[in-house]
Structure formats: C-alpha cells, structure tokens
N, C-alpha and C. Protein backbone atom coordinates (compact mmCIF):
# COMPACT_ATOMS: atom_id res chain seq x y z
N MET A 1 -10.10 -14.00 -4.83
CA MET A 1 -11.54 -14.13 -5.02
C MET A 1 -11.96 -13.32 -6.27
N VAL A 2 -12.85 -13.86 -6.99
CA VAL A 2 -13.33 -13.22 -8.21
C VAL A 2 -14.49 -12.28 -7.87
N SER A 3 -14.40 -11.10 -8.38
CA SER A 3 -15.46 -10.13 -8.10
C SER A 3 -16.66 -10.46 -8.95
N LYS A 4 -17.83 -9.95 -8.51
CA LYS A 4 -19.07 -10.21 -9.24
C LYS A 4 -18.97 -9.64 -10.66
N LYS A 5 -18.33 -8.45 -10.80
CA LYS A 5 -18.19 -7.87 -12.13
C LYS A 5 -17.37 -8.75 -13.05
N MET A 6 -16.23 -9.29 -12.58
CA MET A 6 -15.38 -10.15 -13.39
C MET A 6 -16.13 -11.47 -13.77
N PHE A 7 -16.93 -11.96 -12.81
CA PHE A 7 -17.71 -13.17 -13.08
C PHE A 7 -18.70 -12.93 -14.21
N ILE A 8 -19.39 -11.82 -14.17
CA ILE A 8 -20.36 -11.48 -15.22
C ILE A 8 -19.70 -11.25 -16.54
N VAL A 9 -18.51 -10.63 -16.57
CA VAL A 9 -17.75 -10.43 -17.81
C VAL A 9 -17.36 -11.79 -18.37
N GLY A 10 -16.93 -12.70 -17.52
CA GLY A 10 -16.52 -14.06 -17.95
C GLY A 10 -17.74 -14.78 -18.56
N LEU A 11 -18.88 -14.72 -17.90
CA LEU A 11 -20.08 -15.37 -18.42
C LEU A 11 -20.48 -14.80 -19.77
N ALA A 12 -20.39 -13.46 -19.90
CA ALA A 12 -20.73 -12.83 -21.17
C ALA A 12 -19.82 -13.29 -22.27
N ALA A 13 -18.52 -13.44 -21.99
CA ALA A 13 -17.58 -13.95 -22.98
C ALA A 13 -17.88 -15.36 -23.37
N LEU A 14 -18.21 -16.21 -22.40
CA LEU A 14 -18.57 -17.58 -22.73
C LEU A 14 -19.85 -17.65 -23.56
N ALA A 15 -20.82 -16.82 -23.24
CA ALA A 15 -22.06 -16.80 -24.00
C ALA A 15 -21.80 -16.35 -25.44
N ALA A 16 -20.93 -15.40 -25.60
CA ALA A 16 -20.57 -14.95 -26.96
C ALA A 16 -19.90 -16.02 -27.77
N LEU A 17 -18.99 -16.72 -27.15
CA LEU A 17 -18.33 -17.84 -27.81
C LEU A 17 -19.29 -18.95 -28.16
N ALA A 18 -20.17 -19.29 -27.24
CA ALA A 18 -21.13 -20.33 -27.54
C ALA A 18 -22.09 -19.95 -28.65
N GLY A 19 -22.35 -18.63 -28.78
CA GLY A 19 -23.22 -18.16 -29.84
C GLY A 19 -22.62 -18.35 -31.21
N CYS A 20 -21.30 -18.52 -31.33
CA CYS A 20 -20.63 -18.70 -32.59
C CYS A 20 -20.76 -20.13 -33.13
N ALA A 21 -21.01 -21.05 -32.25
CA ALA A 21 -21.15 -22.47 -32.65
C ALA A 21 -22.48 -22.67 -33.34
N ASP A 22 -22.46 -23.42 -34.43
CA ASP A 22 -23.66 -23.72 -35.16
C ASP A 22 -24.31 -24.96 -34.53
N PRO A 23 -25.50 -24.82 -33.98
CA PRO A 23 -26.14 -25.95 -33.27
C PRO A 23 -26.53 -27.09 -34.20
N ARG A 24 -26.46 -26.89 -35.53
CA ARG A 24 -26.80 -27.97 -36.45
C ARG A 24 -25.65 -28.91 -36.68
N ILE A 25 -24.43 -28.58 -36.23
CA ILE A 25 -23.25 -29.37 -36.48
C ILE A 25 -23.05 -30.40 -35.38
N GLY A 26 -22.79 -31.64 -35.78
CA GLY A 26 -22.56 -32.70 -34.83
C GLY A 26 -21.18 -32.59 -34.18
N PRO A 27 -20.96 -33.29 -33.07
CA PRO A 27 -19.71 -33.15 -32.33
C PRO A 27 -18.49 -33.70 -33.04
N ASN A 28 -18.67 -34.63 -33.98
CA ASN A 28 -17.53 -35.22 -34.70
C ASN A 28 -17.60 -34.80 -36.20
N SER A 29 -18.05 -33.61 -36.43
CA SER A 29 -18.22 -33.11 -37.80
C SER A 29 -17.39 -31.86 -38.01
N LYS A 30 -17.21 -31.54 -39.29
CA LYS A 30 -16.60 -30.31 -39.73
C LYS A 30 -17.51 -29.71 -40.80
N THR A 31 -17.23 -28.46 -41.10
CA THR A 31 -17.95 -27.80 -42.22
C THR A 31 -16.94 -27.41 -43.26
N GLY A 32 -17.44 -27.25 -44.49
CA GLY A 32 -16.61 -26.79 -45.60
C GLY A 32 -17.45 -26.52 -46.81
N TRP A 33 -16.78 -26.18 -47.90
CA TRP A 33 -17.46 -25.81 -49.13
C TRP A 33 -17.09 -26.82 -50.20
N VAL A 34 -18.06 -27.23 -51.01
CA VAL A 34 -17.83 -28.16 -52.10
C VAL A 34 -17.08 -27.39 -53.20
N THR A 35 -15.86 -27.87 -53.45
CA THR A 35 -15.02 -27.17 -54.47
C THR A 35 -14.88 -27.99 -55.72
N GLU A 36 -15.28 -29.27 -55.71
CA GLU A 36 -15.25 -30.07 -56.91
C GLU A 36 -16.28 -31.23 -56.80
N LEU A 37 -17.03 -31.40 -57.85
CA LEU A 37 -17.88 -32.60 -57.97
C LEU A 37 -17.12 -33.58 -58.86
N TYR A 38 -16.63 -34.66 -58.24
CA TYR A 38 -15.82 -35.62 -59.01
C TYR A 38 -16.67 -36.31 -60.04
N THR A 39 -16.15 -36.40 -61.26
CA THR A 39 -16.75 -37.19 -62.34
C THR A 39 -16.25 -38.62 -62.24
N PRO A 40 -17.01 -39.58 -62.80
CA PRO A 40 -16.52 -40.97 -62.81
C PRO A 40 -15.16 -41.06 -63.48
N ALA A 41 -14.92 -40.32 -64.56
CA ALA A 41 -13.66 -40.42 -65.26
C ALA A 41 -12.51 -39.90 -64.34
N LYS A 42 -12.73 -38.79 -63.62
CA LYS A 42 -11.69 -38.31 -62.73
C LYS A 42 -11.41 -39.34 -61.59
N LEU A 43 -12.44 -39.95 -61.07
CA LEU A 43 -12.25 -40.95 -60.02
C LEU A 43 -11.44 -42.14 -60.52
N GLN A 44 -11.71 -42.57 -61.76
CA GLN A 44 -10.99 -43.70 -62.33
C GLN A 44 -9.52 -43.34 -62.60
N ALA A 45 -9.28 -42.14 -63.00
CA ALA A 45 -7.93 -41.71 -63.40
C ALA A 45 -7.08 -41.41 -62.18
N ASN A 46 -7.65 -40.79 -61.19
CA ASN A 46 -6.84 -40.32 -60.04
C ASN A 46 -7.69 -40.21 -58.79
N HIS A 47 -7.69 -41.23 -58.01
CA HIS A 47 -8.32 -41.13 -56.69
C HIS A 47 -7.29 -41.37 -55.62
N SER A 48 -7.13 -40.36 -54.81
CA SER A 48 -6.11 -40.45 -53.75
C SER A 48 -6.74 -40.18 -52.42
N GLY A 49 -5.92 -40.08 -51.42
CA GLY A 49 -6.43 -39.81 -50.07
C GLY A 49 -7.38 -40.88 -49.59
N CYS A 50 -8.49 -40.44 -49.10
CA CYS A 50 -9.45 -41.37 -48.49
C CYS A 50 -10.07 -42.31 -49.52
N LEU A 51 -10.05 -41.98 -50.76
CA LEU A 51 -10.72 -42.81 -51.76
C LEU A 51 -9.84 -43.85 -52.38
N LYS A 52 -8.54 -43.83 -52.10
CA LYS A 52 -7.61 -44.76 -52.78
C LYS A 52 -7.84 -46.21 -52.42
N ASN A 53 -8.43 -46.49 -51.30
CA ASN A 53 -8.66 -47.88 -50.93
C ASN A 53 -10.03 -48.43 -51.34
N LEU A 54 -10.82 -47.61 -52.01
CA LEU A 54 -12.13 -48.06 -52.45
C LEU A 54 -12.04 -48.83 -53.73
N SER A 55 -12.91 -49.79 -53.88
CA SER A 55 -12.97 -50.61 -55.12
C SER A 55 -13.62 -49.77 -56.23
N ASP A 56 -13.42 -50.22 -57.48
CA ASP A 56 -14.06 -49.55 -58.61
C ASP A 56 -15.61 -49.57 -58.45
N GLU A 57 -16.15 -50.63 -57.89
CA GLU A 57 -17.61 -50.74 -57.68
C GLU A 57 -18.05 -49.70 -56.65
N GLN A 58 -17.33 -49.52 -55.60
CA GLN A 58 -17.67 -48.53 -54.60
C GLN A 58 -17.61 -47.11 -55.14
N LEU A 59 -16.58 -46.87 -55.98
CA LEU A 59 -16.45 -45.54 -56.61
C LEU A 59 -17.59 -45.28 -57.60
N ALA A 60 -18.01 -46.31 -58.29
CA ALA A 60 -19.06 -46.16 -59.30
C ALA A 60 -20.46 -46.04 -58.66
N SER A 61 -20.64 -46.51 -57.47
CA SER A 61 -21.95 -46.59 -56.89
C SER A 61 -22.35 -45.32 -56.07
N HIS A 62 -21.46 -44.37 -55.94
CA HIS A 62 -21.75 -43.16 -55.18
C HIS A 62 -21.20 -41.93 -55.88
N GLN A 63 -21.66 -40.78 -55.48
CA GLN A 63 -21.10 -39.53 -55.91
C GLN A 63 -20.05 -39.13 -54.88
N TYR A 64 -18.97 -38.55 -55.30
CA TYR A 64 -17.92 -38.07 -54.40
C TYR A 64 -17.60 -36.60 -54.75
N VAL A 65 -17.17 -35.90 -53.73
CA VAL A 65 -16.87 -34.47 -53.87
C VAL A 65 -15.57 -34.14 -53.16
N GLU A 66 -15.00 -32.99 -53.52
CA GLU A 66 -13.89 -32.42 -52.77
C GLU A 66 -14.48 -31.27 -51.93
N ILE A 67 -14.12 -31.27 -50.67
CA ILE A 67 -14.57 -30.25 -49.72
C ILE A 67 -13.36 -29.48 -49.23
N THR A 68 -13.44 -28.18 -49.27
CA THR A 68 -12.37 -27.32 -48.73
C THR A 68 -12.83 -26.80 -47.41
N THR A 69 -12.00 -26.96 -46.41
CA THR A 69 -12.34 -26.53 -45.04
C THR A 69 -11.19 -25.72 -44.46
N PRO A 70 -11.47 -24.66 -43.75
CA PRO A 70 -10.37 -23.86 -43.15
C PRO A 70 -9.62 -24.66 -42.13
N HIS A 71 -8.30 -24.50 -42.13
CA HIS A 71 -7.45 -25.24 -41.20
C HIS A 71 -6.29 -24.30 -40.80
N LEU A 72 -6.38 -23.78 -39.58
CA LEU A 72 -5.41 -22.80 -39.09
C LEU A 72 -5.35 -21.59 -40.05
N ARG A 73 -4.20 -21.38 -40.66
CA ARG A 73 -4.08 -20.21 -41.60
C ARG A 73 -4.18 -20.62 -43.06
N SER A 74 -4.54 -21.86 -43.31
CA SER A 74 -4.67 -22.31 -44.71
C SER A 74 -5.96 -23.11 -44.87
N TYR A 75 -5.98 -23.96 -45.86
CA TYR A 75 -7.15 -24.79 -46.12
C TYR A 75 -6.74 -26.25 -46.21
N ARG A 76 -7.69 -27.10 -45.94
CA ARG A 76 -7.50 -28.55 -46.03
C ARG A 76 -8.51 -29.04 -47.07
N TYR A 77 -8.13 -30.04 -47.86
CA TYR A 77 -9.02 -30.59 -48.85
C TYR A 77 -9.33 -32.02 -48.50
N VAL A 78 -10.65 -32.34 -48.48
CA VAL A 78 -11.10 -33.64 -48.05
C VAL A 78 -12.03 -34.20 -49.16
N SER A 79 -11.82 -35.45 -49.49
CA SER A 79 -12.74 -36.14 -50.39
C SER A 79 -13.81 -36.80 -49.56
N ALA A 80 -15.05 -36.65 -50.00
CA ALA A 80 -16.17 -37.21 -49.22
C ALA A 80 -17.22 -37.85 -50.11
N MET A 81 -17.90 -38.84 -49.56
CA MET A 81 -19.00 -39.50 -50.26
C MET A 81 -20.25 -38.71 -50.07
N VAL A 82 -21.13 -38.66 -51.05
CA VAL A 82 -22.39 -37.96 -50.95
C VAL A 82 -23.54 -38.99 -50.96
N PRO A 83 -24.34 -39.06 -49.95
CA PRO A 83 -25.50 -40.01 -49.95
C PRO A 83 -26.45 -39.63 -51.06
N GLU A 84 -27.16 -40.64 -51.57
CA GLU A 84 -28.10 -40.39 -52.68
C GLU A 84 -29.16 -39.37 -52.41
N ALA A 85 -29.55 -39.26 -51.14
CA ALA A 85 -30.67 -38.34 -50.79
C ALA A 85 -30.24 -36.87 -50.83
N ILE A 86 -28.94 -36.62 -50.88
CA ILE A 86 -28.43 -35.24 -50.86
C ILE A 86 -28.00 -34.84 -52.28
N LYS A 87 -28.53 -33.75 -52.75
CA LYS A 87 -28.23 -33.19 -54.09
C LYS A 87 -27.39 -31.96 -53.93
N LEU A 88 -26.13 -32.06 -54.18
CA LEU A 88 -25.19 -30.97 -53.97
C LEU A 88 -24.94 -30.15 -55.24
N HIS A 89 -24.53 -28.94 -55.05
CA HIS A 89 -24.07 -28.07 -56.14
C HIS A 89 -22.69 -27.54 -55.73
N LEU A 90 -21.95 -27.16 -56.71
CA LEU A 90 -20.66 -26.55 -56.47
C LEU A 90 -20.80 -25.35 -55.52
N HIS A 91 -19.92 -25.21 -54.57
CA HIS A 91 -19.87 -24.12 -53.59
C HIS A 91 -20.92 -24.18 -52.52
N ASP A 92 -21.67 -25.28 -52.40
CA ASP A 92 -22.57 -25.44 -51.26
C ASP A 92 -21.73 -25.58 -49.98
N LYS A 93 -22.23 -25.05 -48.85
CA LYS A 93 -21.58 -25.23 -47.57
C LYS A 93 -22.20 -26.50 -46.99
N VAL A 94 -21.35 -27.42 -46.54
CA VAL A 94 -21.87 -28.71 -46.03
C VAL A 94 -21.25 -29.09 -44.70
N GLU A 95 -21.89 -29.98 -44.00
CA GLU A 95 -21.36 -30.64 -42.86
C GLU A 95 -20.92 -32.03 -43.29
N PHE A 96 -19.74 -32.49 -42.83
CA PHE A 96 -19.26 -33.83 -43.17
C PHE A 96 -18.68 -34.49 -41.93
N SER A 97 -18.73 -35.79 -41.95
CA SER A 97 -18.23 -36.54 -40.81
C SER A 97 -17.80 -37.95 -41.29
N PRO A 98 -16.75 -38.51 -40.74
CA PRO A 98 -15.78 -37.92 -39.85
C PRO A 98 -14.97 -36.84 -40.55
N PRO A 99 -14.23 -36.00 -39.76
CA PRO A 99 -13.54 -34.89 -40.37
C PRO A 99 -12.29 -35.29 -41.15
N SER A 100 -11.86 -36.53 -41.04
CA SER A 100 -10.72 -37.01 -41.84
C SER A 100 -10.89 -38.50 -42.10
N CYS A 101 -9.99 -39.05 -42.89
CA CYS A 101 -10.10 -40.47 -43.19
C CYS A 101 -9.27 -41.34 -42.30
N LYS A 102 -9.18 -40.93 -41.07
CA LYS A 102 -8.41 -41.68 -40.04
C LYS A 102 -9.01 -43.10 -39.93
N ASP A 103 -8.18 -44.07 -39.83
CA ASP A 103 -8.60 -45.47 -39.67
C ASP A 103 -9.36 -45.99 -40.89
N GLY A 104 -9.16 -45.40 -42.06
CA GLY A 104 -9.77 -45.88 -43.26
C GLY A 104 -11.23 -45.47 -43.46
N ALA A 105 -11.81 -44.69 -42.59
CA ALA A 105 -13.16 -44.21 -42.75
C ALA A 105 -13.22 -43.14 -43.82
N VAL A 106 -14.18 -43.26 -44.72
CA VAL A 106 -14.36 -42.28 -45.76
C VAL A 106 -15.32 -41.22 -45.24
N PRO A 107 -14.93 -39.94 -45.22
CA PRO A 107 -15.89 -38.91 -44.79
C PRO A 107 -17.12 -38.91 -45.66
N GLU A 108 -18.24 -38.54 -45.08
CA GLU A 108 -19.52 -38.52 -45.76
C GLU A 108 -20.21 -37.20 -45.49
N VAL A 109 -20.86 -36.63 -46.52
CA VAL A 109 -21.64 -35.40 -46.34
C VAL A 109 -22.88 -35.73 -45.51
N VAL A 110 -23.09 -34.98 -44.45
CA VAL A 110 -24.19 -35.22 -43.54
C VAL A 110 -25.39 -34.36 -43.96
N GLN A 111 -25.12 -33.08 -44.26
CA GLN A 111 -26.23 -32.20 -44.65
C GLN A 111 -25.68 -30.96 -45.36
N ILE A 112 -26.57 -30.32 -46.11
CA ILE A 112 -26.24 -29.06 -46.73
C ILE A 112 -26.61 -27.96 -45.74
N LEU A 113 -25.69 -27.09 -45.45
CA LEU A 113 -25.93 -25.98 -44.51
C LEU A 113 -26.36 -24.73 -45.24
N LYS A 114 -25.85 -24.52 -46.45
CA LYS A 114 -26.24 -23.35 -47.22
C LYS A 114 -25.96 -23.65 -48.69
N HIS A 115 -27.04 -23.48 -49.49
CA HIS A 115 -26.88 -23.65 -50.93
C HIS A 115 -26.14 -22.47 -51.54
N SER A 116 -25.43 -22.72 -52.57
CA SER A 116 -24.66 -21.67 -53.24
C SER A 116 -25.50 -20.77 -54.08
N ARG A 117 -26.69 -21.18 -54.35
CA ARG A 117 -27.58 -20.36 -55.24
C ARG A 117 -28.61 -19.65 -54.48
C-alpha cells in the first residue's frame, strides 16, 4: 500500500514534469531553431530530405528553412515550409509539424515561439 506521503511526493513530481511542457505546442509537433533560411538558388542546387520530391514550382512558391532540433544527445536537422503569414528570422524558436517527413509529408512551421531579436 502506498503511504499518503509517497502519494503526495508522486503527485508533486508529476506536476513538476507537466510544468515543463509548453502548452502552446501541439501533440504532433516539435520545437527547434531556424538555422538556415534557404535561398531559391540553394533550393535549386541542392534540395534533399523532405524537399527532394517537390516540384520546381512548389519550391519557388514558398519559403523553406532548416530547423535544428535536439534529439537525444545530438541534433536533428529538418527542412520545413514556412507559410506566407509567418515572417521568420534566423535563430527564431519555432513549432513545426509533422516532426518528420514520414509518408512524404513536408514539415511546416506552425508558429514562432520566440524571436531571436
């Protein structure tokens, strides 16, 4: 049987962990920092990963960025599309979804969480 004291300690630990989660982040999203704003020339010369299956028209019609996100003890780099309504700067912290290009889906920036300036 769990004592009342152990129960309270367990609840406090859960509350502390829940406090670390950012309530602005969706359940199928990740966060990261914009480490590169792709230029049209860079996209034409070398688009890999999630962007390799996009047509030239799709690449030309949107802005794309590289996002660095922590992954275990290292970092993961994800290319993502930026909607027209979002104006990003280098080193902005962003939310993006889906977290990878599984099943051919291109990740998209959902919102800016913190501007770099």
